[in-house]
């Protein structure tokens, strides 16, 4: 799952070397925290959060195949 998030996020940004994805467990769910360069934040979030929603939808669809609960957070 982490590789999927990295692949999607690195394709969106101008500075792919600064993309960091951290994984942690929280109340039975896996939380993925995405950090990108300050200048790339808007590209990952998108207008009205559409890109962020799309990333979350793809990751949740992939996780549902494995019966896992995931949460994707974009940190500044």
PDB file of N, CA and C in Angstrom:
ATOM      1  N   UNK A   1       0.830  -1.186   0.000  1.00  0.00           N
ATOM      2  CA  UNK A   1       0.000   0.000   0.000  1.00  0.00           C
ATOM      3  C   UNK A   1       0.879   1.256   0.000  1.00  0.00           C
ATOM      4  N   UNK A   2       1.928   1.216   0.782  1.00  0.00           N
ATOM      5  CA  UNK A   2       2.824   2.364   0.868  1.00  0.00           C
ATOM      6  C   UNK A   2       3.444   2.663  -0.499  1.00  0.00           C
ATOM      7  N   UNK A   3       3.789   1.616  -1.243  1.00  0.00           N
ATOM      8  CA  UNK A   3       4.382   1.794  -2.569  1.00  0.00           C
ATOM      9  C   UNK A   3       3.376   2.430  -3.533  1.00  0.00           C
ATOM     10  N   UNK A   4       2.115   2.038  -3.410  1.00  0.00           N
ATOM     11  CA  UNK A   4       1.063   2.614  -4.247  1.00  0.00           C
ATOM     12  C   UNK A   4       0.942   4.118  -3.998  1.00  0.00           C
ATOM     13  N   UNK A   5       0.925   4.502  -2.737  1.00  0.00           N
ATOM     14  CA  UNK A   5       0.819   5.924  -2.381  1.00  0.00           C
ATOM     15  C   UNK A   5       2.040   6.694  -2.885  1.00  0.00           C
ATOM     16  N   UNK A   6       3.228   6.110  -2.707  1.00  0.00           N
ATOM     17  CA  UNK A   6       4.444   6.763  -3.189  1.00  0.00           C
ATOM     18  C   UNK A   6       4.407   6.952  -4.701  1.00  0.00           C
ATOM     19  N   UNK A   7       3.980   5.945  -5.432  1.00  0.00           N
ATOM     20  CA  UNK A   7       3.935   6.021  -6.890  1.00  0.00           C
ATOM     21  C   UNK A   7       2.983   7.116  -7.360  1.00  0.00           C
ATOM     22  N   UNK A   8       1.799   7.152  -6.777  1.00  0.00           N
ATOM     23  CA  UNK A   8       0.808   8.150  -7.169  1.00  0.00           C
ATOM     24  C   UNK A   8       1.298   9.559  -6.832  1.00  0.00           C
ATOM     25  N   UNK A   9       1.792   9.734  -5.624  1.00  0.00           N
ATOM     26  CA  UNK A   9       2.198  11.059  -5.157  1.00  0.00           C
ATOM     27  C   UNK A   9       3.413  11.585  -5.933  1.00  0.00           C
ATOM     28  N   UNK A  10       4.394  10.721  -6.168  1.00  0.00           N
ATOM     29  CA  UNK A  10       5.594  11.164  -6.893  1.00  0.00           C
ATOM     30  C   UNK A  10       5.265  11.579  -8.322  1.00  0.00           C
ATOM     31  N   UNK A  11       4.235  10.983  -8.904  1.00  0.00           N
ATOM     32  CA  UNK A  11       3.840  11.350 -10.265  1.00  0.00           C
ATOM     33  C   UNK A  11       3.196  12.740 -10.315  1.00  0.00           C
ATOM     34  N   UNK A  12       2.672  13.205  -9.203  1.00  0.00           N
ATOM     35  CA  UNK A  12       1.963  14.479  -9.168  1.00  0.00           C
ATOM     36  C   UNK A  12       2.857  15.687  -8.906  1.00  0.00           C
ATOM     37  N   UNK A  13       3.966  15.487  -8.227  1.00  0.00           N
ATOM     38  CA  UNK A  13       4.753  16.620  -7.717  1.00  0.00           C
ATOM     39  C   UNK A  13       5.947  16.948  -8.606  1.00  0.00           C
ATOM     40  N   UNK A  14       6.520  18.149  -8.387  1.00  0.00           N
ATOM     41  CA  UNK A  14       7.713  18.586  -9.112  1.00  0.00           C
ATOM     42  C   UNK A  14       8.998  18.095  -8.437  1.00  0.00           C
ATOM     43  N   UNK A  15       8.919  17.823  -7.134  1.00  0.00           N
ATOM     44  CA  UNK A  15      10.093  17.376  -6.382  1.00  0.00           C
ATOM     45  C   UNK A  15       9.810  15.997  -5.770  1.00  0.00           C
ATOM     46  N   UNK A  16       9.865  14.941  -6.581  1.00  0.00           N
ATOM     47  CA  UNK A  16       9.511  13.608  -6.082  1.00  0.00           C
ATOM     48  C   UNK A  16      10.469  13.055  -5.027  1.00  0.00           C
ATOM     49  N   UNK A  17      11.681  13.590  -4.971  1.00  0.00           N
ATOM     50  CA  UNK A  17      12.635  13.112  -3.973  1.00  0.00           C
ATOM     51  C   UNK A  17      12.268  13.560  -2.564  1.00  0.00           C
ATOM     52  N   UNK A  18      11.365  14.532  -2.418  1.00  0.00           N
ATOM     53  CA  UNK A  18      10.965  15.015  -1.098  1.00  0.00           C
ATOM     54  C   UNK A  18       9.659  14.401  -0.611  1.00  0.00           C
ATOM     55  N   UNK A  19       9.132  13.429  -1.342  1.00  0.00           N
ATOM     56  CA  UNK A  19       7.900  12.757  -0.919  1.00  0.00           C
ATOM     57  C   UNK A  19       8.260  11.701   0.124  1.00  0.00           C
ATOM     58  N   UNK A  20       7.586  11.770   1.265  1.00  0.00           N
ATOM     59  CA  UNK A  20       7.801  10.811   2.349  1.00  0.00           C
ATOM     60  C   UNK A  20       6.446  10.285   2.793  1.00  0.00           C
ATOM     61  N   UNK A  21       6.343   8.957   2.909  1.00  0.00           N
ATOM     62  CA  UNK A  21       5.110   8.339   3.382  1.00  0.00           C
ATOM     63  C   UNK A  21       5.446   7.535   4.630  1.00  0.00           C
ATOM     64  N   UNK A  22       4.805   7.878   5.739  1.00  0.00           N
ATOM     65  CA  UNK A  22       4.975   7.150   6.998  1.00  0.00           C
ATOM     66  C   UNK A  22       3.748   6.297   7.248  1.00  0.00           C
ATOM     67  N   UNK A  23       3.970   5.131   7.822  1.00  0.00           N
ATOM     68  CA  UNK A  23       2.891   4.191   8.088  1.00  0.00           C
ATOM     69  C   UNK A  23       2.846   3.907   9.587  1.00  0.00           C
ATOM     70  N   UNK A  24       1.628   3.958  10.158  1.00  0.00           N
ATOM     71  CA  UNK A  24       1.487   3.623  11.577  1.00  0.00           C
ATOM     72  C   UNK A  24       0.113   3.026  11.816  1.00  0.00           C
ATOM     73  N   UNK A  25      -0.011   2.298  12.898  1.00  0.00           N
ATOM     74  CA  UNK A  25      -1.276   1.670  13.269  1.00  0.00           C
ATOM     75  C   UNK A  25      -2.005   2.549  14.274  1.00  0.00           C
ATOM     76  N   UNK A  26      -3.333   2.628  14.127  1.00  0.00           N
ATOM     77  CA  UNK A  26      -4.132   3.438  15.043  1.00  0.00           C
ATOM     78  C   UNK A  26      -5.533   2.847  15.134  1.00  0.00           C
ATOM     79  N   UNK A  27      -5.873   2.259  16.264  1.00  0.00           N
ATOM     80  CA  UNK A  27      -7.205   1.698  16.513  1.00  0.00           C
ATOM     81  C   UNK A  27      -7.656   0.717  15.430  1.00  0.00           C
ATOM     82  N   UNK A  28      -6.786  -0.186  15.029  1.00  0.00           N
ATOM     83  CA  UNK A  28      -7.147  -1.197  14.049  1.00  0.00           C
ATOM     84  C   UNK A  28      -7.072  -0.734  12.613  1.00  0.00           C
ATOM     85  N   UNK A  29      -6.734   0.517  12.391  1.00  0.00           N
ATOM     86  CA  UNK A  29      -6.607   1.044  11.033  1.00  0.00           C
ATOM     87  C   UNK A  29      -5.145   1.407  10.779  1.00  0.00           C
ATOM     88  N   UNK A  30      -4.745   1.305   9.542  1.00  0.00           N
ATOM     89  CA  UNK A  30      -3.410   1.723   9.149  1.00  0.00           C
ATOM     90  C   UNK A  30      -3.490   3.159   8.644  1.00  0.00           C
ATOM     91  N   UNK A  31      -2.679   4.017   9.244  1.00  0.00           N
ATOM     92  CA  UNK A  31      -2.664   5.433   8.874  1.00  0.00           C
ATOM     93  C   UNK A  31      -1.412   5.711   8.052  1.00  0.00           C
ATOM     94  N   UNK A  32      -1.616   6.286   6.869  1.00  0.00           N
ATOM     95  CA  UNK A  32      -0.502   6.678   6.013  1.00  0.00           C
ATOM     96  C   UNK A  32      -0.439   8.195   5.997  1.00  0.00           C
ATOM     97  N   UNK A  33       0.719   8.719   6.379  1.00  0.00           N
ATOM     98  CA  UNK A  33       0.927  10.163   6.421  1.00  0.00           C
ATOM     99  C   UNK A  33       1.840  10.564   5.266  1.00  0.00           C
ATOM    100  N   UNK A  34       1.340  11.445   4.411  1.00  0.00           N
ATOM    101  CA  UNK A  34       2.098  11.889   3.245  1.00  0.00           C
ATOM    102  C   UNK A  34       2.672  13.271   3.521  1.00  0.00           C
ATOM    103  N   UNK A  35       3.963  13.414   3.287  1.00  0.00           N
ATOM    104  CA  UNK A  35       4.626  14.721   3.381  1.00  0.00           C
ATOM    105  C   UNK A  35       5.273  15.025   2.038  1.00  0.00           C
ATOM    106  N   UNK A  36       5.041  16.245   1.555  1.00  0.00           N
ATOM    107  CA  UNK A  36       5.645  16.690   0.298  1.00  0.00           C
ATOM    108  C   UNK A  36       6.273  18.057   0.525  1.00  0.00           C
ATOM    109  N   UNK A  37       7.010  18.522  -0.470  1.00  0.00           N
ATOM    110  CA  UNK A  37       7.605  19.864  -0.386  1.00  0.00           C
ATOM    111  C   UNK A  37       6.490  20.903  -0.309  1.00  0.00           C
ATOM    112  N   UNK A  38       6.773  21.999   0.346  1.00  0.00           N
ATOM    113  CA  UNK A  38       5.783  23.067   0.535  1.00  0.00           C
ATOM    114  C   UNK A  38       5.209  23.551  -0.798  1.00  0.00           C
ATOM    115  N   UNK A  39       6.056  23.647  -1.808  1.00  0.00           N
ATOM    116  CA  UNK A  39       5.606  24.134  -3.110  1.00  0.00           C
ATOM    117  C   UNK A  39       4.721  23.124  -3.849  1.00  0.00           C
ATOM    118  N   UNK A  40       4.756  21.862  -3.456  1.00  0.00           N
ATOM    119  CA  UNK A  40       3.962  20.819  -4.103  1.00  0.00           C
ATOM    120  C   UNK A  40       2.655  20.505  -3.375  1.00  0.00           C
ATOM    121  N   UNK A  41       2.420  21.149  -2.270  1.00  0.00           N
ATOM    122  CA  UNK A  41       1.239  20.846  -1.459  1.00  0.00           C
ATOM    123  C   UNK A  41      -0.056  21.033  -2.252  1.00  0.00           C
ATOM    124  N   UNK A  42      -0.151  22.104  -3.011  1.00  0.00           N
ATOM    125  CA  UNK A  42      -1.356  22.368  -3.790  1.00  0.00           C
ATOM    126  C   UNK A  42      -1.603  21.325  -4.865  1.00  0.00           C
ATOM    127  N   UNK A  43      -0.546  20.770  -5.411  1.00  0.00           N
ATOM    128  CA  UNK A  43      -0.688  19.753  -6.452  1.00  0.00           C
ATOM    129  C   UNK A  43      -1.222  18.450  -5.888  1.00  0.00           C
ATOM    130  N   UNK A  44      -0.871  18.145  -4.660  1.00  0.00           N
ATOM    131  CA  UNK A  44      -1.334  16.900  -4.038  1.00  0.00           C
ATOM    132  C   UNK A  44      -2.771  17.055  -3.538  1.00  0.00           C
ATOM    133  N   UNK A  45      -3.126  18.243  -3.076  1.00  0.00           N
ATOM    134  CA  UNK A  45      -4.485  18.462  -2.575  1.00  0.00           C
ATOM    135  C   UNK A  45      -5.447  18.720  -3.723  1.00  0.00           C
ATOM    136  N   UNK A  46      -5.062  19.541  -4.688  1.00  0.00           N
ATOM    137  CA  UNK A  46      -5.920  19.828  -5.837  1.00  0.00           C
ATOM    138  C   UNK A  46      -6.988  20.855  -5.508  1.00  0.00           C
ATOM    139  N   UNK A  47      -7.704  21.274  -6.541  1.00  0.00           N
ATOM    140  CA  UNK A  47      -8.777  22.245  -6.338  1.00  0.00           C
ATOM    141  C   UNK A  47      -9.899  21.602  -5.551  1.00  0.00           C
ATOM    142  N   UNK A  48     -10.295  22.261  -4.479  1.00  0.00           N
ATOM    143  CA  UNK A  48     -11.351  21.803  -3.577  1.00  0.00           C
ATOM    144  C   UNK A  48     -11.083  20.395  -3.044  1.00  0.00           C
ATOM    145  N   UNK A  49      -9.798  19.990  -3.005  1.00  0.00           N
ATOM    146  CA  UNK A  49      -9.431  18.698  -2.432  1.00  0.00           C
ATOM    147  C   UNK A  49      -9.718  17.501  -3.320  1.00  0.00           C
ATOM    148  N   UNK A  50      -9.916  17.728  -4.602  1.00  0.00           N
ATOM    149  CA  UNK A  50     -10.294  16.633  -5.499  1.00  0.00           C
ATOM    150  C   UNK A  50      -9.191  15.607  -5.678  1.00  0.00           C
ATOM    151  N   UNK A  51      -7.949  16.049  -5.790  1.00  0.00           N
ATOM    152  CA  UNK A  51      -6.836  15.104  -5.958  1.00  0.00           C
ATOM    153  C   UNK A  51      -6.671  14.283  -4.685  1.00  0.00           C
ATOM    154  N   UNK A  52      -6.750  14.931  -3.527  1.00  0.00           N
ATOM    155  CA  UNK A  52      -6.629  14.225  -2.260  1.00  0.00           C
ATOM    156  C   UNK A  52      -7.741  13.187  -2.112  1.00  0.00           C
ATOM    157  N   UNK A  53      -8.956  13.542  -2.493  1.00  0.00           N
ATOM    158  CA  UNK A  53     -10.072  12.595  -2.431  1.00  0.00           C
ATOM    159  C   UNK A  53      -9.837  11.420  -3.364  1.00  0.00           C
ATOM    160  N   UNK A  54      -9.287  11.690  -4.542  1.00  0.00           N
ATOM    161  CA  UNK A  54      -9.010  10.625  -5.502  1.00  0.00           C
ATOM    162  C   UNK A  54      -7.938   9.674  -4.981  1.00  0.00           C
ATOM    163  N   UNK A  55      -6.891  10.217  -4.361  1.00  0.00           N
ATOM    164  CA  UNK A  55      -5.841   9.376  -3.778  1.00  0.00           C
ATOM    165  C   UNK A  55      -6.445   8.488  -2.696  1.00  0.00           C
ATOM    166  N   UNK A  56      -7.260   9.080  -1.836  1.00  0.00           N
ATOM    167  CA  UNK A  56      -7.892   8.304  -0.765  1.00  0.00           C
ATOM    168  C   UNK A  56      -8.803   7.214  -1.328  1.00  0.00           C
ATOM    169  N   UNK A  57      -9.529   7.527  -2.387  1.00  0.00           N
ATOM    170  CA  UNK A  57     -10.441   6.545  -2.987  1.00  0.00           C
ATOM    171  C   UNK A  57      -9.671   5.364  -3.568  1.00  0.00           C
ATOM    172  N   UNK A  58      -8.580   5.635  -4.262  1.00  0.00           N
ATOM    173  CA  UNK A  58      -7.780   4.557  -4.850  1.00  0.00           C
ATOM    174  C   UNK A  58      -7.172   3.676  -3.770  1.00  0.00           C
ATOM    175  N   UNK A  59      -6.646   4.298  -2.725  1.00  0.00           N
ATOM    176  CA  UNK A  59      -6.017   3.531  -1.643  1.00  0.00           C
ATOM    177  C   UNK A  59      -7.059   2.707  -0.892  1.00  0.00           C
ATOM    178  N   UNK A  60      -8.222   3.276  -0.633  1.00  0.00           N
ATOM    179  CA  UNK A  60      -9.273   2.525   0.058  1.00  0.00           C
ATOM    180  C   UNK A  60      -9.775   1.368  -0.794  1.00  0.00           C
ATOM    181  N   UNK A  61      -9.846   1.556  -2.106  1.00  0.00           N
ATOM    182  CA  UNK A  61     -10.264   0.472  -2.992  1.00  0.00           C
ATOM    183  C   UNK A  61      -9.245  -0.662  -2.966  1.00  0.00           C
ATOM    184  N   UNK A  62      -7.968  -0.315  -2.975  1.00  0.00           N
ATOM    185  CA  UNK A  62      -6.924  -1.337  -2.908  1.00  0.00           C
ATOM    186  C   UNK A  62      -6.936  -2.045  -1.554  1.00  0.00           C
ATOM    187  N   UNK A  63      -7.215  -1.307  -0.489  1.00  0.00           N
ATOM    188  CA  UNK A  63      -7.238  -1.889   0.850  1.00  0.00           C
ATOM    189  C   UNK A  63      -8.460  -2.786   1.044  1.00  0.00           C
ATOM    190  N   UNK A  64      -9.551  -2.464   0.379  1.00  0.00           N
ATOM    191  CA  UNK A  64     -10.760  -3.275   0.553  1.00  0.00           C
ATOM    192  C   UNK A  64     -10.571  -4.682   0.001  1.00  0.00           C
ATOM    193  N   UNK A  65      -9.682  -4.844  -0.960  1.00  0.00           N
ATOM    194  CA  UNK A  65      -9.378  -6.179  -1.472  1.00  0.00           C
ATOM    195  C   UNK A  65      -8.746  -7.047  -0.389  1.00  0.00           C
ATOM    196  N   UNK A  66      -8.020  -6.415   0.516  1.00  0.00           N
ATOM    197  CA  UNK A  66      -7.327  -7.126   1.595  1.00  0.00           C
ATOM    198  C   UNK A  66      -8.085  -7.037   2.912  1.00  0.00           C
ATOM    199  N   UNK A  67      -9.296  -6.510   2.893  1.00  0.00           N
ATOM    200  CA  UNK A  67     -10.110  -6.323   4.097  1.00  0.00           C
ATOM    201  C   UNK A  67      -9.372  -5.548   5.179  1.00  0.00           C
ATOM    202  N   UNK A  68      -8.734  -4.459   4.784  1.00  0.00           N
ATOM    203  CA  UNK A  68      -8.021  -3.600   5.727  1.00  0.00           C
ATOM    204  C   UNK A  68      -8.679  -2.231   5.730  1.00  0.00           C
ATOM    205  N   UNK A  69      -8.555  -1.542   6.853  1.00  0.00           N
ATOM    206  CA  UNK A  69      -9.038  -0.174   6.948  1.00  0.00           C
ATOM    207  C   UNK A  69      -7.829   0.746   6.897  1.00  0.00           C
ATOM    208  N   UNK A  70      -7.889   1.717   6.015  1.00  0.00           N
ATOM    209  CA  UNK A  70      -6.764   2.650   5.864  1.00  0.00           C
ATOM    210  C   UNK A  70      -7.256   4.094   5.961  1.00  0.00           C
ATOM    211  N   UNK A  71      -6.370   4.941   6.427  1.00  0.00           N
ATOM    212  CA  UNK A  71      -6.608   6.379   6.502  1.00  0.00           C
ATOM    213  C   UNK A  71      -5.406   7.055   5.860  1.00  0.00           C
ATOM    214  N   UNK A  72      -5.659   7.990   4.955  1.00  0.00           N
ATOM    215  CA  UNK A  72      -4.584   8.724   4.291  1.00  0.00           C
ATOM    216  C   UNK A  72      -4.651  10.175   4.734  1.00  0.00           C
ATOM    217  N   UNK A  73      -3.560  10.646   5.348  1.00  0.00           N
ATOM    218  CA  UNK A  73      -3.455  12.040   5.790  1.00  0.00           C
ATOM    219  C   UNK A  73      -2.367  12.739   5.001  1.00  0.00           C
ATOM    220  N   UNK A  74      -2.626  13.961   4.610  1.00  0.00           N
ATOM    221  CA  UNK A  74      -1.621  14.778   3.935  1.00  0.00           C
ATOM    222  C   UNK A  74      -1.193  15.844   4.924  1.00  0.00           C
ATOM    223  N   UNK A  75       0.072  15.776   5.338  1.00  0.00           N
ATOM    224  CA  UNK A  75       0.586  16.678   6.353  1.00  0.00           C
ATOM    225  C   UNK A  75       1.378  17.803   5.721  1.00  0.00           C
ATOM    226  N   UNK A  76       1.311  18.982   6.379  1.00  0.00           N
ATOM    227  CA  UNK A  76       2.084  20.115   5.871  1.00  0.00           C
ATOM    228  C   UNK A  76       3.334  20.312   6.673  1.00  0.00           C
TER     229      UNK A  76
END
